[in-house]
N, C-alpha and C. Protein backbone atom coordinates (compact mmCIF):
# COMPACT_ATOMS: atom_id res chain seq x y z
N MET A 1 12.76 -25.64 12.27
CA MET A 1 13.37 -24.88 11.15
C MET A 1 14.49 -23.98 11.73
N ASP A 2 15.61 -24.15 11.29
CA ASP A 2 16.76 -23.32 11.83
C ASP A 2 16.74 -21.92 11.14
N GLN A 3 17.59 -21.08 11.61
CA GLN A 3 17.69 -19.67 11.16
C GLN A 3 18.04 -19.60 9.72
N ILE A 4 18.97 -20.42 9.24
CA ILE A 4 19.38 -20.45 7.83
C ILE A 4 18.22 -20.75 6.92
N GLU A 5 17.49 -21.73 7.21
CA GLU A 5 16.30 -22.09 6.47
C GLU A 5 15.28 -21.02 6.41
N LYS A 6 15.07 -20.40 7.57
CA LYS A 6 14.12 -19.24 7.63
C LYS A 6 14.53 -18.10 6.69
N GLU A 7 15.82 -17.86 6.72
CA GLU A 7 16.41 -16.70 5.93
C GLU A 7 16.28 -17.12 4.39
N GLU A 8 16.54 -18.31 4.08
CA GLU A 8 16.42 -18.73 2.69
C GLU A 8 14.96 -18.65 2.22
N LYS A 9 14.05 -19.01 3.09
CA LYS A 9 12.60 -18.94 2.76
C LYS A 9 12.20 -17.46 2.52
N ARG A 10 12.71 -16.60 3.41
CA ARG A 10 12.38 -15.17 3.32
C ARG A 10 12.99 -14.60 2.01
N LYS A 11 14.15 -14.96 1.70
CA LYS A 11 14.78 -14.45 0.43
C LYS A 11 13.99 -14.99 -0.73
N ALA A 12 13.54 -16.20 -0.72
CA ALA A 12 12.77 -16.78 -1.84
C ALA A 12 11.42 -16.03 -1.93
N TRP A 13 10.79 -15.69 -0.84
CA TRP A 13 9.59 -15.00 -0.83
C TRP A 13 9.78 -13.59 -1.40
N VAL A 14 10.82 -12.92 -0.98
CA VAL A 14 11.03 -11.55 -1.47
C VAL A 14 11.32 -11.59 -2.98
N ARG A 15 12.04 -12.55 -3.49
CA ARG A 15 12.28 -12.66 -4.95
C ARG A 15 11.04 -12.91 -5.65
N PHE A 16 10.17 -13.78 -5.07
CA PHE A 16 8.88 -14.14 -5.71
C PHE A 16 8.05 -12.81 -5.75
N ARG A 17 7.98 -12.13 -4.60
CA ARG A 17 7.11 -10.97 -4.51
C ARG A 17 7.55 -9.83 -5.46
N VAL A 18 8.90 -9.59 -5.52
CA VAL A 18 9.45 -8.66 -6.39
C VAL A 18 9.10 -8.93 -7.88
N MET A 19 9.28 -10.17 -8.30
CA MET A 19 8.95 -10.59 -9.64
C MET A 19 7.40 -10.41 -9.96
N ASP A 20 6.61 -10.77 -8.94
CA ASP A 20 5.21 -10.57 -9.06
C ASP A 20 4.77 -9.08 -9.27
N VAL A 21 5.45 -8.26 -8.44
CA VAL A 21 5.16 -6.81 -8.56
C VAL A 21 5.69 -6.29 -9.95
N LEU A 22 6.81 -6.68 -10.38
CA LEU A 22 7.34 -6.24 -11.69
C LEU A 22 6.33 -6.68 -12.80
N ARG A 23 5.83 -7.87 -12.75
CA ARG A 23 5.02 -8.37 -13.86
C ARG A 23 3.63 -7.75 -13.82
N ASN A 24 3.08 -7.46 -12.61
CA ASN A 24 1.65 -7.17 -12.46
C ASN A 24 1.41 -5.83 -11.78
N HIS A 25 2.38 -4.95 -11.67
CA HIS A 25 2.23 -3.76 -10.74
C HIS A 25 1.00 -2.90 -11.12
N ASP A 26 0.83 -2.67 -12.34
CA ASP A 26 -0.30 -1.72 -12.79
C ASP A 26 -1.62 -2.26 -12.35
N GLN A 27 -1.95 -3.51 -12.79
CA GLN A 27 -3.21 -4.09 -12.48
C GLN A 27 -3.35 -4.34 -10.96
N GLU A 28 -2.34 -4.87 -10.29
CA GLU A 28 -2.37 -5.09 -8.90
C GLU A 28 -2.62 -3.81 -8.08
N ALA A 29 -1.96 -2.74 -8.46
CA ALA A 29 -2.18 -1.48 -7.69
C ALA A 29 -3.63 -1.02 -7.82
N ARG A 30 -4.20 -1.07 -9.05
CA ARG A 30 -5.56 -0.65 -9.24
C ARG A 30 -6.59 -1.51 -8.45
N VAL A 31 -6.28 -2.88 -8.50
CA VAL A 31 -7.14 -3.74 -7.74
C VAL A 31 -7.08 -3.47 -6.21
N ILE A 32 -5.89 -3.28 -5.76
CA ILE A 32 -5.68 -3.06 -4.31
C ILE A 32 -6.39 -1.77 -3.90
N GLU A 33 -6.29 -0.74 -4.68
CA GLU A 33 -6.92 0.57 -4.35
C GLU A 33 -8.44 0.41 -4.37
N SER A 34 -8.98 -0.34 -5.30
CA SER A 34 -10.40 -0.46 -5.29
C SER A 34 -10.85 -1.37 -4.09
N GLN A 35 -10.05 -2.37 -3.78
CA GLN A 35 -10.38 -3.20 -2.52
C GLN A 35 -10.37 -2.33 -1.27
N ILE A 36 -9.42 -1.37 -1.19
CA ILE A 36 -9.38 -0.59 -0.01
C ILE A 36 -10.66 0.29 0.05
N ALA A 37 -10.99 0.91 -1.06
CA ALA A 37 -12.17 1.76 -1.10
C ALA A 37 -13.49 0.91 -0.77
N ALA A 38 -13.49 -0.35 -1.27
CA ALA A 38 -14.66 -1.14 -0.99
C ALA A 38 -14.79 -1.57 0.48
N GLU A 39 -13.64 -1.80 1.05
CA GLU A 39 -13.54 -2.15 2.50
C GLU A 39 -13.94 -1.00 3.34
N ARG A 40 -13.57 0.24 2.96
CA ARG A 40 -13.94 1.43 3.69
C ARG A 40 -15.42 1.66 3.58
N ALA A 41 -15.97 1.49 2.39
CA ALA A 41 -17.41 1.73 2.16
C ALA A 41 -18.24 0.69 2.99
N ALA A 42 -17.76 -0.61 2.97
CA ALA A 42 -18.49 -1.63 3.71
C ALA A 42 -18.41 -1.35 5.19
N LEU A 43 -17.30 -0.88 5.63
CA LEU A 43 -17.12 -0.49 7.06
C LEU A 43 -18.12 0.63 7.44
N ALA A 44 -18.19 1.66 6.63
CA ALA A 44 -19.13 2.73 6.89
C ALA A 44 -20.57 2.22 6.99
N GLU A 45 -20.91 1.36 6.02
CA GLU A 45 -22.28 0.82 6.04
C GLU A 45 -22.55 -0.05 7.20
N ASP A 46 -21.58 -0.91 7.62
CA ASP A 46 -21.69 -1.77 8.79
C ASP A 46 -21.79 -0.93 10.09
N LEU A 47 -21.02 0.04 10.17
CA LEU A 47 -21.02 0.93 11.35
C LEU A 47 -22.35 1.67 11.52
N LYS A 48 -22.93 2.01 10.36
CA LYS A 48 -24.21 2.72 10.37
C LYS A 48 -25.26 1.72 10.88
N GLU A 49 -25.25 0.47 10.43
CA GLU A 49 -26.19 -0.54 10.89
C GLU A 49 -26.03 -0.84 12.40
N ILE A 50 -24.76 -0.88 12.80
CA ILE A 50 -24.51 -1.26 14.20
C ILE A 50 -24.99 -0.11 15.09
N MET A 51 -24.72 1.11 14.70
CA MET A 51 -25.15 2.29 15.50
C MET A 51 -26.74 2.31 15.55
N GLU A 52 -27.39 1.96 14.48
CA GLU A 52 -28.81 1.97 14.48
C GLU A 52 -29.37 0.86 15.42
N SER A 53 -28.64 -0.23 15.55
CA SER A 53 -29.09 -1.24 16.44
C SER A 53 -28.92 -0.85 17.90
N ALA A 54 -28.23 0.19 18.21
CA ALA A 54 -27.93 0.56 19.65
C ALA A 54 -29.15 1.21 20.25
N PHE A 55 -30.00 1.80 19.45
CA PHE A 55 -31.19 2.43 20.07
C PHE A 55 -32.13 1.36 20.52
N PRO A 56 -32.45 1.39 21.80
CA PRO A 56 -33.37 0.33 22.30
C PRO A 56 -34.76 0.42 21.69
N SER A 57 -35.34 -0.77 21.57
CA SER A 57 -36.68 -0.71 20.93
C SER A 57 -37.65 -0.19 21.97
N GLY A 58 -38.59 0.52 21.55
CA GLY A 58 -39.51 1.09 22.46
C GLY A 58 -40.92 0.81 22.02
N GLN A 59 -41.82 1.06 22.90
CA GLN A 59 -43.15 0.85 22.57
C GLN A 59 -43.93 2.15 22.95
N LEU A 60 -44.96 2.32 22.24
CA LEU A 60 -45.80 3.48 22.65
C LEU A 60 -46.84 3.11 23.74
N SER A 61 -46.88 3.90 24.74
CA SER A 61 -47.90 3.60 25.71
C SER A 61 -49.28 4.11 25.34
N ASP A 62 -50.26 3.98 26.10
CA ASP A 62 -51.65 4.45 25.70
C ASP A 62 -51.58 5.93 25.59
N ALA A 63 -50.73 6.62 26.31
CA ALA A 63 -50.67 8.07 26.30
C ALA A 63 -49.90 8.59 25.06
N GLY A 64 -49.25 7.72 24.31
CA GLY A 64 -48.46 8.08 23.14
C GLY A 64 -47.06 8.45 23.48
N VAL A 65 -46.57 7.95 24.64
CA VAL A 65 -45.24 8.21 25.09
C VAL A 65 -44.45 6.95 24.86
N ARG A 66 -43.20 7.11 24.28
CA ARG A 66 -42.32 5.95 24.05
C ARG A 66 -41.84 5.45 25.41
N VAL A 67 -42.02 4.09 25.56
CA VAL A 67 -41.60 3.43 26.86
C VAL A 67 -40.52 2.45 26.53
N GLN A 68 -39.60 2.30 27.41
CA GLN A 68 -38.49 1.34 27.17
C GLN A 68 -39.07 -0.07 27.34
N SER A 69 -38.75 -0.96 26.29
CA SER A 69 -39.27 -2.28 26.42
C SER A 69 -38.17 -3.24 26.63
N SER A 70 -36.92 -2.83 26.57
CA SER A 70 -35.83 -3.69 26.77
C SER A 70 -35.49 -3.80 28.27
N PRO A 71 -35.29 -4.96 28.76
CA PRO A 71 -35.01 -5.18 30.19
C PRO A 71 -33.61 -4.77 30.51
N ASP A 72 -32.66 -4.70 29.59
CA ASP A 72 -31.26 -4.37 29.90
C ASP A 72 -30.75 -3.39 28.76
N PRO A 73 -31.14 -2.10 28.85
CA PRO A 73 -30.72 -1.23 27.76
C PRO A 73 -29.20 -0.95 27.80
N ASP A 74 -28.57 -0.88 29.01
CA ASP A 74 -27.11 -0.69 29.07
C ASP A 74 -26.38 -1.87 28.41
N GLY A 75 -26.79 -3.08 28.70
CA GLY A 75 -26.19 -4.29 28.11
C GLY A 75 -26.18 -4.24 26.58
N ARG A 76 -27.30 -3.78 26.08
CA ARG A 76 -27.48 -3.74 24.64
C ARG A 76 -26.50 -2.66 24.08
N LEU A 77 -26.28 -1.56 24.71
CA LEU A 77 -25.38 -0.51 24.31
C LEU A 77 -23.88 -1.04 24.38
N VAL A 78 -23.54 -1.78 25.41
CA VAL A 78 -22.21 -2.33 25.54
C VAL A 78 -21.93 -3.35 24.44
N ARG A 79 -22.94 -4.23 24.11
CA ARG A 79 -22.79 -5.10 23.02
C ARG A 79 -22.60 -4.41 21.70
N MET A 80 -23.29 -3.32 21.53
CA MET A 80 -23.15 -2.55 20.26
C MET A 80 -21.75 -1.95 20.17
N VAL A 81 -21.21 -1.39 21.26
CA VAL A 81 -19.88 -0.85 21.23
C VAL A 81 -18.84 -1.87 20.97
N ASP A 82 -19.03 -3.10 21.56
CA ASP A 82 -18.07 -4.19 21.32
C ASP A 82 -18.18 -4.64 19.87
N LYS A 83 -19.35 -4.70 19.35
CA LYS A 83 -19.56 -5.13 17.94
C LYS A 83 -18.85 -4.11 17.01
N ARG A 84 -19.12 -2.88 17.32
CA ARG A 84 -18.49 -1.83 16.49
C ARG A 84 -16.99 -1.78 16.54
N ASP A 85 -16.39 -2.01 17.69
CA ASP A 85 -14.93 -2.12 17.86
C ASP A 85 -14.29 -3.28 17.16
N ARG A 86 -15.05 -4.48 17.20
CA ARG A 86 -14.49 -5.68 16.52
C ARG A 86 -14.62 -5.43 14.97
N ARG A 87 -15.64 -4.79 14.49
CA ARG A 87 -15.79 -4.53 13.00
C ARG A 87 -14.67 -3.60 12.58
N ARG A 88 -14.43 -2.57 13.36
CA ARG A 88 -13.35 -1.58 12.98
C ARG A 88 -12.03 -2.28 12.98
N GLN A 89 -11.82 -3.14 13.95
CA GLN A 89 -10.49 -3.84 14.02
C GLN A 89 -10.27 -4.77 12.79
N ARG A 90 -11.35 -5.52 12.41
CA ARG A 90 -11.29 -6.33 11.19
C ARG A 90 -11.00 -5.52 9.94
N ALA A 91 -11.61 -4.33 9.84
CA ALA A 91 -11.44 -3.52 8.65
C ALA A 91 -10.00 -2.89 8.72
N ASN A 92 -9.57 -2.52 9.89
CA ASN A 92 -8.17 -1.94 9.97
C ASN A 92 -7.21 -2.99 9.59
N GLU A 93 -7.37 -4.23 10.00
CA GLU A 93 -6.35 -5.29 9.65
C GLU A 93 -6.41 -5.51 8.11
N ALA A 94 -7.61 -5.63 7.52
CA ALA A 94 -7.73 -5.84 6.11
C ALA A 94 -7.09 -4.70 5.37
N ILE A 95 -7.47 -3.50 5.70
CA ILE A 95 -6.86 -2.35 4.96
C ILE A 95 -5.42 -2.20 5.18
N GLY A 96 -4.88 -2.59 6.41
CA GLY A 96 -3.45 -2.57 6.69
C GLY A 96 -2.77 -3.50 5.78
N ASN A 97 -3.27 -4.71 5.60
CA ASN A 97 -2.69 -5.72 4.68
C ASN A 97 -2.61 -5.24 3.22
N LEU A 98 -3.73 -4.60 2.86
CA LEU A 98 -3.77 -4.13 1.49
C LEU A 98 -2.75 -2.96 1.27
N GLU A 99 -2.68 -2.06 2.29
CA GLU A 99 -1.80 -0.92 2.10
C GLU A 99 -0.30 -1.38 2.20
N ARG A 100 0.00 -2.44 2.92
CA ARG A 100 1.37 -3.02 2.89
C ARG A 100 1.70 -3.56 1.47
N GLN A 101 0.76 -4.20 0.87
CA GLN A 101 0.97 -4.58 -0.54
C GLN A 101 1.18 -3.46 -1.49
N LEU A 102 0.40 -2.41 -1.36
CA LEU A 102 0.57 -1.18 -2.13
C LEU A 102 1.91 -0.56 -1.87
N GLN A 103 2.34 -0.57 -0.70
CA GLN A 103 3.69 -0.06 -0.28
C GLN A 103 4.78 -0.82 -0.98
N GLN A 104 4.57 -2.18 -1.01
CA GLN A 104 5.57 -2.99 -1.63
C GLN A 104 5.74 -2.67 -3.14
N ILE A 105 4.61 -2.43 -3.76
CA ILE A 105 4.65 -2.09 -5.18
C ILE A 105 5.37 -0.73 -5.36
N THR A 106 5.12 0.18 -4.56
CA THR A 106 5.83 1.47 -4.65
C THR A 106 7.21 1.33 -4.37
N GLU A 107 7.61 0.46 -3.36
CA GLU A 107 9.02 0.22 -2.99
C GLU A 107 9.82 -0.44 -4.10
N VAL A 108 9.23 -1.37 -4.80
CA VAL A 108 9.92 -1.97 -5.94
C VAL A 108 10.21 -0.96 -6.97
N GLN A 109 9.24 -0.11 -7.27
CA GLN A 109 9.50 0.93 -8.29
C GLN A 109 10.64 1.90 -7.81
N ASN A 110 10.55 2.29 -6.54
CA ASN A 110 11.62 3.13 -6.03
C ASN A 110 12.97 2.48 -6.03
N LEU A 111 13.02 1.22 -5.74
CA LEU A 111 14.28 0.45 -5.76
C LEU A 111 14.89 0.38 -7.16
N VAL A 112 13.92 0.20 -8.17
CA VAL A 112 14.39 0.16 -9.56
C VAL A 112 15.10 1.52 -9.88
N TYR A 113 14.46 2.56 -9.43
CA TYR A 113 14.99 3.93 -9.75
C TYR A 113 16.40 4.14 -9.03
N THR A 114 16.71 3.39 -8.00
CA THR A 114 17.98 3.60 -7.30
C THR A 114 19.13 2.75 -7.95
N LEU A 115 18.74 1.85 -8.87
CA LEU A 115 19.81 1.10 -9.49
C LEU A 115 20.71 1.84 -10.43
N ASP A 116 21.80 1.29 -10.84
CA ASP A 116 22.65 1.94 -11.86
C ASP A 116 21.90 2.12 -13.12
N THR A 117 22.37 3.00 -13.99
CA THR A 117 21.67 3.41 -15.17
C THR A 117 21.28 2.23 -16.10
N ARG A 118 22.25 1.33 -16.35
CA ARG A 118 22.04 0.21 -17.23
C ARG A 118 20.93 -0.73 -16.68
N SER A 119 21.05 -1.02 -15.40
CA SER A 119 20.04 -1.93 -14.74
C SER A 119 18.71 -1.23 -14.77
N LYS A 120 18.63 -0.01 -14.45
CA LYS A 120 17.39 0.73 -14.44
C LYS A 120 16.74 0.70 -15.79
N CYS A 121 17.48 1.00 -16.86
CA CYS A 121 16.97 1.02 -18.18
C CYS A 121 16.40 -0.32 -18.64
N VAL A 122 17.11 -1.36 -18.33
CA VAL A 122 16.65 -2.68 -18.75
C VAL A 122 15.37 -3.03 -18.04
N LEU A 123 15.34 -2.84 -16.79
CA LEU A 123 14.13 -3.20 -15.96
C LEU A 123 12.94 -2.35 -16.36
N LEU A 124 13.15 -1.05 -16.53
CA LEU A 124 12.04 -0.19 -16.94
C LEU A 124 11.63 -0.49 -18.38
N ALA A 125 12.48 -0.90 -19.24
CA ALA A 125 12.12 -1.28 -20.64
C ALA A 125 11.29 -2.61 -20.63
N LEU A 126 11.66 -3.50 -19.74
CA LEU A 126 10.99 -4.80 -19.65
C LEU A 126 9.63 -4.76 -18.91
N TYR A 127 9.52 -3.99 -17.83
CA TYR A 127 8.46 -4.14 -16.96
C TYR A 127 7.59 -2.88 -16.80
N TYR A 128 7.96 -1.79 -17.28
CA TYR A 128 7.17 -0.53 -17.13
C TYR A 128 6.92 0.17 -18.42
N PRO A 129 6.05 -0.25 -19.28
CA PRO A 129 5.09 -1.33 -19.17
C PRO A 129 5.77 -2.65 -19.59
N TYR A 130 5.04 -3.69 -19.27
CA TYR A 130 5.54 -5.08 -19.43
C TYR A 130 5.75 -5.34 -20.95
N ARG A 131 6.91 -5.67 -21.35
CA ARG A 131 7.32 -5.96 -22.71
C ARG A 131 8.09 -7.31 -22.79
N SER A 132 8.08 -7.87 -23.99
CA SER A 132 8.89 -9.09 -24.28
C SER A 132 10.38 -8.74 -24.40
N TYR A 133 11.23 -9.74 -24.32
CA TYR A 133 12.67 -9.44 -24.56
C TYR A 133 12.87 -8.82 -25.95
N ASP A 134 12.20 -9.30 -27.02
CA ASP A 134 12.38 -8.73 -28.32
C ASP A 134 11.92 -7.23 -28.29
N GLU A 135 10.81 -6.96 -27.76
CA GLU A 135 10.32 -5.56 -27.73
C GLU A 135 11.24 -4.64 -26.91
N ALA A 136 11.78 -5.19 -25.85
CA ALA A 136 12.68 -4.33 -24.97
C ALA A 136 14.01 -4.13 -25.75
N ALA A 137 14.49 -5.15 -26.43
CA ALA A 137 15.71 -5.04 -27.15
C ALA A 137 15.56 -4.01 -28.29
N GLU A 138 14.41 -4.02 -28.98
CA GLU A 138 14.16 -3.07 -29.98
C GLU A 138 14.17 -1.63 -29.40
N PHE A 139 13.42 -1.57 -28.26
CA PHE A 139 13.21 -0.21 -27.62
C PHE A 139 14.61 0.32 -27.15
N LEU A 140 15.43 -0.50 -26.66
CA LEU A 140 16.82 -0.15 -26.14
C LEU A 140 17.88 -0.06 -27.29
N GLN A 141 17.48 -0.65 -28.44
CA GLN A 141 18.38 -0.71 -29.64
C GLN A 141 19.61 -1.50 -29.23
N VAL A 142 19.37 -2.66 -28.66
CA VAL A 142 20.52 -3.68 -28.36
C VAL A 142 20.03 -5.01 -28.73
N GLU A 143 20.93 -6.00 -28.62
CA GLU A 143 20.60 -7.35 -29.00
C GLU A 143 19.69 -7.95 -27.84
N ARG A 144 18.90 -8.94 -28.21
CA ARG A 144 18.08 -9.63 -27.26
C ARG A 144 18.87 -10.25 -26.15
N THR A 145 19.98 -10.92 -26.56
CA THR A 145 20.85 -11.55 -25.59
C THR A 145 21.40 -10.59 -24.49
N THR A 146 21.67 -9.38 -24.99
CA THR A 146 22.17 -8.35 -24.03
C THR A 146 21.08 -8.01 -23.06
N VAL A 147 19.85 -7.89 -23.57
CA VAL A 147 18.76 -7.58 -22.62
C VAL A 147 18.58 -8.70 -21.55
N TYR A 148 18.72 -9.98 -22.01
CA TYR A 148 18.59 -11.09 -21.07
C TYR A 148 19.64 -11.06 -20.09
N ARG A 149 20.98 -10.89 -20.49
CA ARG A 149 22.06 -10.82 -19.51
C ARG A 149 21.97 -9.68 -18.57
N GLN A 150 21.67 -8.54 -19.03
CA GLN A 150 21.47 -7.30 -18.26
C GLN A 150 20.30 -7.45 -17.25
N ARG A 151 19.23 -8.15 -17.71
CA ARG A 151 18.11 -8.37 -16.83
C ARG A 151 18.53 -9.17 -15.62
N GLU A 152 19.32 -10.25 -15.85
CA GLU A 152 19.72 -11.12 -14.76
C GLU A 152 20.58 -10.33 -13.72
N ILE A 153 21.44 -9.56 -14.21
CA ILE A 153 22.31 -8.71 -13.35
C ILE A 153 21.43 -7.68 -12.58
N ALA A 154 20.57 -7.01 -13.30
CA ALA A 154 19.70 -6.03 -12.72
C ALA A 154 18.74 -6.65 -11.63
N LEU A 155 18.19 -7.88 -11.89
CA LEU A 155 17.35 -8.44 -10.92
C LEU A 155 18.01 -8.90 -9.69
N ASN A 156 19.29 -9.40 -9.84
CA ASN A 156 20.05 -9.74 -8.70
C ASN A 156 20.36 -8.54 -7.82
N ARG A 157 20.64 -7.42 -8.41
CA ARG A 157 20.81 -6.13 -7.68
C ARG A 157 19.52 -5.68 -6.99
N LEU A 158 18.43 -5.81 -7.77
CA LEU A 158 17.14 -5.42 -7.22
C LEU A 158 16.74 -6.34 -6.02
N PHE A 159 16.99 -7.71 -6.17
CA PHE A 159 16.68 -8.62 -5.07
C PHE A 159 17.45 -8.24 -3.85
N ALA A 160 18.66 -7.97 -4.00
CA ALA A 160 19.51 -7.59 -2.85
C ALA A 160 19.00 -6.43 -2.07
N ARG A 161 18.60 -5.44 -2.89
CA ARG A 161 18.10 -4.20 -2.24
C ARG A 161 16.75 -4.46 -1.59
N ALA A 162 15.92 -5.34 -2.23
CA ALA A 162 14.56 -5.60 -1.67
C ALA A 162 14.70 -6.40 -0.38
N GLU A 163 15.64 -7.31 -0.34
CA GLU A 163 15.86 -8.12 0.91
C GLU A 163 16.21 -7.22 2.05
N ARG A 164 16.89 -6.12 1.80
CA ARG A 164 17.26 -5.07 2.92
C ARG A 164 16.13 -4.18 3.19
N SER A 165 15.20 -4.03 2.33
CA SER A 165 14.10 -3.06 2.47
C SER A 165 13.14 -3.39 3.56
N LYS A 166 12.74 -2.43 4.27
CA LYS A 166 11.75 -2.66 5.44
C LYS A 166 10.37 -3.00 4.89
N ALA A 167 10.02 -2.69 3.69
CA ALA A 167 8.72 -2.96 3.07
C ALA A 167 8.51 -4.52 2.93
N PHE A 168 9.57 -5.22 2.90
CA PHE A 168 9.48 -6.64 2.69
C PHE A 168 9.71 -7.47 3.87
N HIS A 169 9.80 -6.78 5.03
CA HIS A 169 9.91 -7.53 6.35
C HIS A 169 8.57 -7.68 6.92
N GLU A 170 8.22 -8.92 7.34
CA GLU A 170 6.87 -9.20 7.86
C GLU A 170 6.92 -9.14 9.37
């Protein structure tokens, strides 16, 4: 794949992602925030279990003293630390991906706010909250066709800004 094809694919992905954010930003943000919270809770629970597994099993001697029954207590501790580190890394990757998606949602809204007044009004009327062309036209007190034409112009401007935004670079 040459550079031009890669650039075209990236532009198409950015356009798709921006439209997805515009249509579903409220619900998507709530879902992502709950997924982050769930991942953090699962991490805390898993780390607790891993830490509990670090303590070597012991047996009570006839005198009532706990005696080490594991032939390799240091190896068990090393395995626990490795397991803990791997679990944290998986959680950090998952949370990082979710936070990037949340950042993209915020970035799209910020980019909408940086547009000219007409473009900003049309996009906010259509997507914040999501409305039909007829509802947006009534809200803006203009014709439906005007909303459609202005939407196309506003989206092209928004796409151009999003393509330059760092939030959409992988």
